[in-house]
Amino acid sequence: MNPFTWLYALVALLYLVGFLVSPALAMVSLPLLARTWHALSRQARALLLAGIVSAVALPLLRLLPAVGDMHRWWLD
């Protein structure tokens, strides 16, 4: 058995779980950011904004045709 099979399976599982969890991350982070905007430091606001943008943008980018080819190759 190929020793990289376990690594491939682990990375693919993390990738798919991230695809499902990232919208939930955005739904939790956005109200948190809106409620505590003034109480948070500038670094914390920037981190939450980056998390929200990436959580929304990455699943949408995965649906593009060019990225679809990469998915077929990766999850083949």
PDB file of N, CA and C in Angstrom:
ATOM      1  N   MET A   1       0.846  -1.180   0.000  1.00  0.00           N
ATOM      2  CA  MET A   1       0.000   0.000   0.000  1.00  0.00           C
ATOM      3  C   MET A   1       0.893   1.245   0.000  1.00  0.00           C
ATOM      4  N   ASN A   2       0.478   2.226  -0.748  1.00  0.00           N
ATOM      5  CA  ASN A   2       1.228   3.468  -0.878  1.00  0.00           C
ATOM      6  C   ASN A   2       1.163   4.246   0.444  1.00  0.00           C
ATOM      7  N   PRO A   3       2.313   4.659   0.996  1.00  0.00           N
ATOM      8  CA  PRO A   3       2.284   5.394   2.267  1.00  0.00           C
ATOM      9  C   PRO A   3       1.643   6.772   2.157  1.00  0.00           C
ATOM     10  N   PHE A   4       1.565   7.316   0.959  1.00  0.00           N
ATOM     11  CA  PHE A   4       0.960   8.637   0.790  1.00  0.00           C
ATOM     12  C   PHE A   4      -0.561   8.583   0.713  1.00  0.00           C
ATOM     13  N   THR A   5      -1.119   7.385   0.682  1.00  0.00           N
ATOM     14  CA  THR A   5      -2.573   7.254   0.625  1.00  0.00           C
ATOM     15  C   THR A   5      -3.225   7.860   1.859  1.00  0.00           C
ATOM     16  N   TRP A   6      -2.653   7.624   3.022  1.00  0.00           N
ATOM     17  CA  TRP A   6      -3.203   8.183   4.261  1.00  0.00           C
ATOM     18  C   TRP A   6      -3.096   9.705   4.263  1.00  0.00           C
ATOM     19  N   LEU A   7      -1.989  10.219   3.778  1.00  0.00           N
ATOM     20  CA  LEU A   7      -1.829  11.672   3.705  1.00  0.00           C
ATOM     21  C   LEU A   7      -2.842  12.273   2.734  1.00  0.00           C
ATOM     22  N   TYR A   8      -3.008  11.639   1.591  1.00  0.00           N
ATOM     23  CA  TYR A   8      -3.974  12.111   0.596  1.00  0.00           C
ATOM     24  C   TYR A   8      -5.383  12.104   1.181  1.00  0.00           C
ATOM     25  N   ALA A   9      -5.742  11.023   1.868  1.00  0.00           N
ATOM     26  CA  ALA A   9      -7.076  10.916   2.458  1.00  0.00           C
ATOM     27  C   ALA A   9      -7.290  11.982   3.531  1.00  0.00           C
ATOM     28  N   LEU A  10      -6.288  12.231   4.349  1.00  0.00           N
ATOM     29  CA  LEU A  10      -6.404  13.240   5.396  1.00  0.00           C
ATOM     30  C   LEU A  10      -6.577  14.636   4.812  1.00  0.00           C
ATOM     31  N   VAL A  11      -5.772  14.971   3.823  1.00  0.00           N
ATOM     32  CA  VAL A  11      -5.862  16.298   3.210  1.00  0.00           C
ATOM     33  C   VAL A  11      -7.196  16.470   2.486  1.00  0.00           C
ATOM     34  N   ALA A  12      -7.655  15.442   1.789  1.00  0.00           N
ATOM     35  CA  ALA A  12      -8.941  15.526   1.094  1.00  0.00           C
ATOM     36  C   ALA A  12     -10.086  15.692   2.093  1.00  0.00           C
ATOM     37  N   LEU A  13     -10.021  14.993   3.215  1.00  0.00           N
ATOM     38  CA  LEU A  13     -11.058  15.118   4.238  1.00  0.00           C
ATOM     39  C   LEU A  13     -11.071  16.524   4.839  1.00  0.00           C
ATOM     40  N   LEU A  14      -9.899  17.054   5.145  1.00  0.00           N
ATOM     41  CA  LEU A  14      -9.819  18.415   5.673  1.00  0.00           C
ATOM     42  C   LEU A  14     -10.329  19.433   4.668  1.00  0.00           C
ATOM     43  N   TYR A  15     -10.040  19.217   3.420  1.00  0.00           N
ATOM     44  CA  TYR A  15     -10.472  20.106   2.350  1.00  0.00           C
ATOM     45  C   TYR A  15     -12.001  20.126   2.254  1.00  0.00           C
ATOM     46  N   LEU A  16     -12.614  18.960   2.289  1.00  0.00           N
ATOM     47  CA  LEU A  16     -14.067  18.883   2.185  1.00  0.00           C
ATOM     48  C   LEU A  16     -14.756  19.421   3.437  1.00  0.00           C
ATOM     49  N   VAL A  17     -14.204  19.162   4.600  1.00  0.00           N
ATOM     50  CA  VAL A  17     -14.776  19.690   5.834  1.00  0.00           C
ATOM     51  C   VAL A  17     -14.667  21.214   5.837  1.00  0.00           C
ATOM     52  N   GLY A  18     -13.546  21.739   5.374  1.00  0.00           N
ATOM     53  CA  GLY A  18     -13.383  23.188   5.284  1.00  0.00           C
ATOM     54  C   GLY A  18     -14.395  23.825   4.350  1.00  0.00           C
ATOM     55  N   PHE A  19     -14.745  23.120   3.283  1.00  0.00           N
ATOM     56  CA  PHE A  19     -15.748  23.622   2.348  1.00  0.00           C
ATOM     57  C   PHE A  19     -17.108  23.739   3.029  1.00  0.00           C
ATOM     58  N   LEU A  20     -17.402  22.829   3.931  1.00  0.00           N
ATOM     59  CA  LEU A  20     -18.692  22.845   4.621  1.00  0.00           C
ATOM     60  C   LEU A  20     -18.702  23.785   5.827  1.00  0.00           C
ATOM     61  N   VAL A  21     -17.554  23.944   6.483  1.00  0.00           N
ATOM     62  CA  VAL A  21     -17.491  24.730   7.720  1.00  0.00           C
ATOM     63  C   VAL A  21     -17.306  26.227   7.446  1.00  0.00           C
ATOM     64  N   SER A  22     -16.712  26.579   6.322  1.00  0.00           N
ATOM     65  CA  SER A  22     -16.416  27.993   6.080  1.00  0.00           C
ATOM     66  C   SER A  22     -17.666  28.879   6.015  1.00  0.00           C
ATOM     67  N   PRO A  23     -18.785  28.467   5.427  1.00  0.00           N
ATOM     68  CA  PRO A  23     -19.973  29.332   5.508  1.00  0.00           C
ATOM     69  C   PRO A  23     -20.471  29.521   6.941  1.00  0.00           C
ATOM     70  N   ALA A  24     -20.354  28.486   7.761  1.00  0.00           N
ATOM     71  CA  ALA A  24     -20.752  28.621   9.163  1.00  0.00           C
ATOM     72  C   ALA A  24     -19.839  29.608   9.884  1.00  0.00           C
ATOM     73  N   LEU A  25     -18.565  29.587   9.552  1.00  0.00           N
ATOM     74  CA  LEU A  25     -17.628  30.541  10.137  1.00  0.00           C
ATOM     75  C   LEU A  25     -18.019  31.968   9.787  1.00  0.00           C
ATOM     76  N   ALA A  26     -18.400  32.188   8.556  1.00  0.00           N
ATOM     77  CA  ALA A  26     -18.813  33.538   8.140  1.00  0.00           C
ATOM     78  C   ALA A  26     -20.100  33.955   8.837  1.00  0.00           C
ATOM     79  N   MET A  27     -21.044  33.037   8.989  1.00  0.00           N
ATOM     80  CA  MET A  27     -22.319  33.385   9.638  1.00  0.00           C
ATOM     81  C   MET A  27     -22.143  33.710  11.119  1.00  0.00           C
ATOM     82  N   VAL A  28     -21.147  33.128  11.756  1.00  0.00           N
ATOM     83  CA  VAL A  28     -20.896  33.422  13.164  1.00  0.00           C
ATOM     84  C   VAL A  28     -20.049  34.691  13.315  1.00  0.00           C
ATOM     85  N   SER A  29     -19.079  34.851  12.442  1.00  0.00           N
ATOM     86  CA  SER A  29     -18.143  35.972  12.558  1.00  0.00           C
ATOM     87  C   SER A  29     -18.767  37.314  12.223  1.00  0.00           C
ATOM     88  N   LEU A  30     -19.641  37.349  11.259  1.00  0.00           N
ATOM     89  CA  LEU A  30     -20.226  38.630  10.842  1.00  0.00           C
ATOM     90  C   LEU A  30     -21.048  39.287  11.955  1.00  0.00           C
ATOM     91  N   PRO A  31     -21.970  38.575  12.609  1.00  0.00           N
ATOM     92  CA  PRO A  31     -22.688  39.232  13.720  1.00  0.00           C
ATOM     93  C   PRO A  31     -21.766  39.590  14.889  1.00  0.00           C
ATOM     94  N   LEU A  32     -20.775  38.740  15.138  1.00  0.00           N
ATOM     95  CA  LEU A  32     -19.819  39.035  16.208  1.00  0.00           C
ATOM     96  C   LEU A  32     -19.068  40.329  15.915  1.00  0.00           C
ATOM     97  N   LEU A  33     -18.645  40.474  14.692  1.00  0.00           N
ATOM     98  CA  LEU A  33     -17.931  41.683  14.293  1.00  0.00           C
ATOM     99  C   LEU A  33     -18.843  42.904  14.364  1.00  0.00           C
ATOM    100  N   ALA A  34     -20.084  42.761  13.936  1.00  0.00           N
ATOM    101  CA  ALA A  34     -21.014  43.895  13.950  1.00  0.00           C
ATOM    102  C   ALA A  34     -21.341  44.344  15.376  1.00  0.00           C
ATOM    103  N   ARG A  35     -21.506  43.388  16.289  1.00  0.00           N
ATOM    104  CA  ARG A  35     -21.861  43.734  17.670  1.00  0.00           C
ATOM    105  C   ARG A  35     -20.704  44.351  18.436  1.00  0.00           C
ATOM    106  N   THR A  36     -19.501  43.875  18.184  1.00  0.00           N
ATOM    107  CA  THR A  36     -18.362  44.276  19.016  1.00  0.00           C
ATOM    108  C   THR A  36     -17.335  45.092  18.235  1.00  0.00           C
ATOM    109  N   TRP A  37     -17.782  45.812  17.218  1.00  0.00           N
ATOM    110  CA  TRP A  37     -16.850  46.549  16.354  1.00  0.00           C
ATOM    111  C   TRP A  37     -15.987  47.518  17.160  1.00  0.00           C
ATOM    112  N   HIS A  38     -16.580  48.307  18.021  1.00  0.00           N
ATOM    113  CA  HIS A  38     -15.822  49.326  18.755  1.00  0.00           C
ATOM    114  C   HIS A  38     -15.026  48.732  19.913  1.00  0.00           C
ATOM    115  N   ALA A  39     -15.458  47.618  20.440  1.00  0.00           N
ATOM    116  CA  ALA A  39     -14.754  47.007  21.573  1.00  0.00           C
ATOM    117  C   ALA A  39     -13.514  46.224  21.131  1.00  0.00           C
ATOM    118  N   LEU A  40     -13.468  45.816  19.883  1.00  0.00           N
ATOM    119  CA  LEU A  40     -12.333  45.021  19.388  1.00  0.00           C
ATOM    120  C   LEU A  40     -11.171  45.920  18.991  1.00  0.00           C
ATOM    121  N   SER A  41      -9.976  45.378  19.118  1.00  0.00           N
ATOM    122  CA  SER A  41      -8.798  46.116  18.653  1.00  0.00           C
ATOM    123  C   SER A  41      -8.752  46.084  17.129  1.00  0.00           C
ATOM    124  N   ARG A  42      -7.917  46.918  16.580  1.00  0.00           N
ATOM    125  CA  ARG A  42      -7.806  46.994  15.116  1.00  0.00           C
ATOM    126  C   ARG A  42      -7.327  45.669  14.531  1.00  0.00           C
ATOM    127  N   GLN A  43      -6.407  45.002  15.208  1.00  0.00           N
ATOM    128  CA  GLN A  43      -5.893  43.727  14.734  1.00  0.00           C
ATOM    129  C   GLN A  43      -6.978  42.656  14.767  1.00  0.00           C
ATOM    130  N   ALA A  44      -7.792  42.633  15.802  1.00  0.00           N
ATOM    131  CA  ALA A  44      -8.872  41.645  15.900  1.00  0.00           C
ATOM    132  C   ALA A  44      -9.925  41.880  14.819  1.00  0.00           C
ATOM    133  N   ARG A  45     -10.246  43.146  14.555  1.00  0.00           N
ATOM    134  CA  ARG A  45     -11.197  43.452  13.478  1.00  0.00           C
ATOM    135  C   ARG A  45     -10.659  43.017  12.129  1.00  0.00           C
ATOM    136  N   ALA A  46      -9.377  43.276  11.894  1.00  0.00           N
ATOM    137  CA  ALA A  46      -8.772  42.878  10.623  1.00  0.00           C
ATOM    138  C   ALA A  46      -8.770  41.354  10.474  1.00  0.00           C
ATOM    139  N   LEU A  47      -8.490  40.652  11.550  1.00  0.00           N
ATOM    140  CA  LEU A  47      -8.479  39.193  11.507  1.00  0.00           C
ATOM    141  C   LEU A  47      -9.874  38.636  11.241  1.00  0.00           C
ATOM    142  N   LEU A  48     -10.885  39.184  11.910  1.00  0.00           N
ATOM    143  CA  LEU A  48     -12.254  38.735  11.668  1.00  0.00           C
ATOM    144  C   LEU A  48     -12.709  39.064  10.250  1.00  0.00           C
ATOM    145  N   LEU A  49     -12.373  40.241   9.759  1.00  0.00           N
ATOM    146  CA  LEU A  49     -12.729  40.599   8.380  1.00  0.00           C
ATOM    147  C   LEU A  49     -12.052  39.673   7.377  1.00  0.00           C
ATOM    148  N   ALA A  50     -10.788  39.360   7.593  1.00  0.00           N
ATOM    149  CA  ALA A  50     -10.082  38.442   6.695  1.00  0.00           C
ATOM    150  C   ALA A  50     -10.720  37.056   6.739  1.00  0.00           C
ATOM    151  N   GLY A  51     -11.124  36.614   7.913  1.00  0.00           N
ATOM    152  CA  GLY A  51     -11.787  35.321   8.029  1.00  0.00           C
ATOM    153  C   GLY A  51     -13.123  35.291   7.313  1.00  0.00           C
ATOM    154  N   ILE A  52     -13.879  36.368   7.427  1.00  0.00           N
ATOM    155  CA  ILE A  52     -15.179  36.442   6.770  1.00  0.00           C
ATOM    156  C   ILE A  52     -15.013  36.463   5.254  1.00  0.00           C
ATOM    157  N   VAL A  53     -14.105  37.282   4.768  1.00  0.00           N
ATOM    158  CA  VAL A  53     -13.897  37.383   3.322  1.00  0.00           C
ATOM    159  C   VAL A  53     -13.413  36.056   2.748  1.00  0.00           C
ATOM    160  N   SER A  54     -12.462  35.421   3.410  1.00  0.00           N
ATOM    161  CA  SER A  54     -11.967  34.141   2.889  1.00  0.00           C
ATOM    162  C   SER A  54     -13.015  33.046   3.015  1.00  0.00           C
ATOM    163  N   ALA A  55     -13.827  33.083   4.077  1.00  0.00           N
ATOM    164  CA  ALA A  55     -14.860  32.060   4.248  1.00  0.00           C
ATOM    165  C   ALA A  55     -15.948  32.187   3.188  1.00  0.00           C
ATOM    166  N   VAL A  56     -16.171  33.388   2.686  1.00  0.00           N
ATOM    167  CA  VAL A  56     -17.166  33.575   1.631  1.00  0.00           C
ATOM    168  C   VAL A  56     -16.544  33.389   0.248  1.00  0.00           C
ATOM    169  N   ALA A  57     -15.343  33.900   0.056  1.00  0.00           N
ATOM    170  CA  ALA A  57     -14.730  33.879  -1.274  1.00  0.00           C
ATOM    171  C   ALA A  57     -14.259  32.484  -1.694  1.00  0.00           C
ATOM    172  N   LEU A  58     -13.674  31.732  -0.790  1.00  0.00           N
ATOM    173  CA  LEU A  58     -13.125  30.436  -1.189  1.00  0.00           C
ATOM    174  C   LEU A  58     -14.173  29.444  -1.684  1.00  0.00           C
ATOM    175  N   PRO A  59     -15.303  29.273  -0.998  1.00  0.00           N
ATOM    176  CA  PRO A  59     -16.309  28.367  -1.573  1.00  0.00           C
ATOM    177  C   PRO A  59     -16.845  28.851  -2.911  1.00  0.00           C
ATOM    178  N   LEU A  60     -16.971  30.165  -3.083  1.00  0.00           N
ATOM    179  CA  LEU A  60     -17.437  30.681  -4.369  1.00  0.00           C
ATOM    180  C   LEU A  60     -16.398  30.463  -5.460  1.00  0.00           C
ATOM    181  N   LEU A  61     -15.132  30.651  -5.134  1.00  0.00           N
ATOM    182  CA  LEU A  61     -14.083  30.421  -6.121  1.00  0.00           C
ATOM    183  C   LEU A  61     -13.990  28.954  -6.522  1.00  0.00           C
ATOM    184  N   ARG A  62     -14.333  28.067  -5.606  1.00  0.00           N
ATOM    185  CA  ARG A  62     -14.281  26.637  -5.907  1.00  0.00           C
ATOM    186  C   ARG A  62     -15.301  26.232  -6.951  1.00  0.00           C
ATOM    187  N   LEU A  63     -16.308  27.062  -7.171  1.00  0.00           N
ATOM    188  CA  LEU A  63     -17.346  26.744  -8.138  1.00  0.00           C
ATOM    189  C   LEU A  63     -17.011  27.231  -9.547  1.00  0.00           C
ATOM    190  N   LEU A  64     -15.925  27.965  -9.704  1.00  0.00           N
ATOM    191  CA  LEU A  64     -15.513  28.437 -11.027  1.00  0.00           C
ATOM    192  C   LEU A  64     -15.023  27.264 -11.874  1.00  0.00           C
ATOM    193  N   PRO A  65     -15.195  27.329 -13.187  1.00  0.00           N
ATOM    194  CA  PRO A  65     -14.782  26.211 -14.046  1.00  0.00           C
ATOM    195  C   PRO A  65     -13.288  25.884 -13.962  1.00  0.00           C
ATOM    196  N   ALA A  66     -12.438  26.899 -13.890  1.00  0.00           N
ATOM    197  CA  ALA A  66     -10.994  26.630 -13.825  1.00  0.00           C
ATOM    198  C   ALA A  66     -10.638  25.906 -12.539  1.00  0.00           C
ATOM    199  N   VAL A  67     -11.266  26.276 -11.445  1.00  0.00           N
ATOM    200  CA  VAL A  67     -10.993  25.630 -10.167  1.00  0.00           C
ATOM    201  C   VAL A  67     -11.665  24.257 -10.126  1.00  0.00           C
ATOM    202  N   GLY A  68     -12.763  24.090 -10.874  1.00  0.00           N
ATOM    203  CA  GLY A  68     -13.418  22.785 -10.961  1.00  0.00           C
ATOM    204  C   GLY A  68     -12.500  21.728 -11.545  1.00  0.00           C
ATOM    205  N   ASP A  69     -11.689  22.109 -12.533  1.00  0.00           N
ATOM    206  CA  ASP A  69     -10.711  21.168 -13.095  1.00  0.00           C
ATOM    207  C   ASP A  69      -9.701  20.745 -12.045  1.00  0.00           C
ATOM    208  N   MET A  70      -9.274  21.694 -11.225  1.00  0.00           N
ATOM    209  CA  MET A  70      -8.332  21.362 -10.164  1.00  0.00           C
ATOM    210  C   MET A  70      -8.977  20.409  -9.156  1.00  0.00           C
ATOM    211  N   HIS A  71     -10.247  20.629  -8.850  1.00  0.00           N
ATOM    212  CA  HIS A  71     -10.942  19.742  -7.908  1.00  0.00           C
ATOM    213  C   HIS A  71     -11.061  18.330  -8.452  1.00  0.00           C
ATOM    214  N   ARG A  72     -11.390  18.230  -9.713  1.00  0.00           N
ATOM    215  CA  ARG A  72     -11.487  16.891 -10.301  1.00  0.00           C
ATOM    216  C   ARG A  72     -10.145  16.191 -10.241  1.00  0.00           C
ATOM    217  N   TRP A  73      -9.079  16.917 -10.479  1.00  0.00           N
ATOM    218  CA  TRP A  73      -7.747  16.307 -10.409  1.00  0.00           C
ATOM    219  C   TRP A  73      -7.410  15.931  -8.977  1.00  0.00           C
ATOM    220  N   TRP A  74      -7.671  16.831  -8.023  1.00  0.00           N
ATOM    221  CA  TRP A  74      -7.284  16.598  -6.634  1.00  0.00           C
ATOM    222  C   TRP A  74      -8.098  15.484  -6.005  1.00  0.00           C
ATOM    223  N   LEU A  75      -9.401  15.471  -6.245  1.00  0.00           N
ATOM    224  CA  LEU A  75     -10.273  14.494  -5.593  1.00  0.00           C
ATOM    225  C   LEU A  75     -10.507  13.256  -6.451  1.00  0.00           C
ATOM    226  N   ASP A  76      -9.753  13.115  -7.526  1.00  0.00           N
ATOM    227  CA  ASP A  76      -9.888  11.964  -8.414  1.00  0.00           C
ATOM    228  C   ASP A  76      -9.476  10.676  -7.721  1.00  0.00           C
TER     229      ASP A  76
END
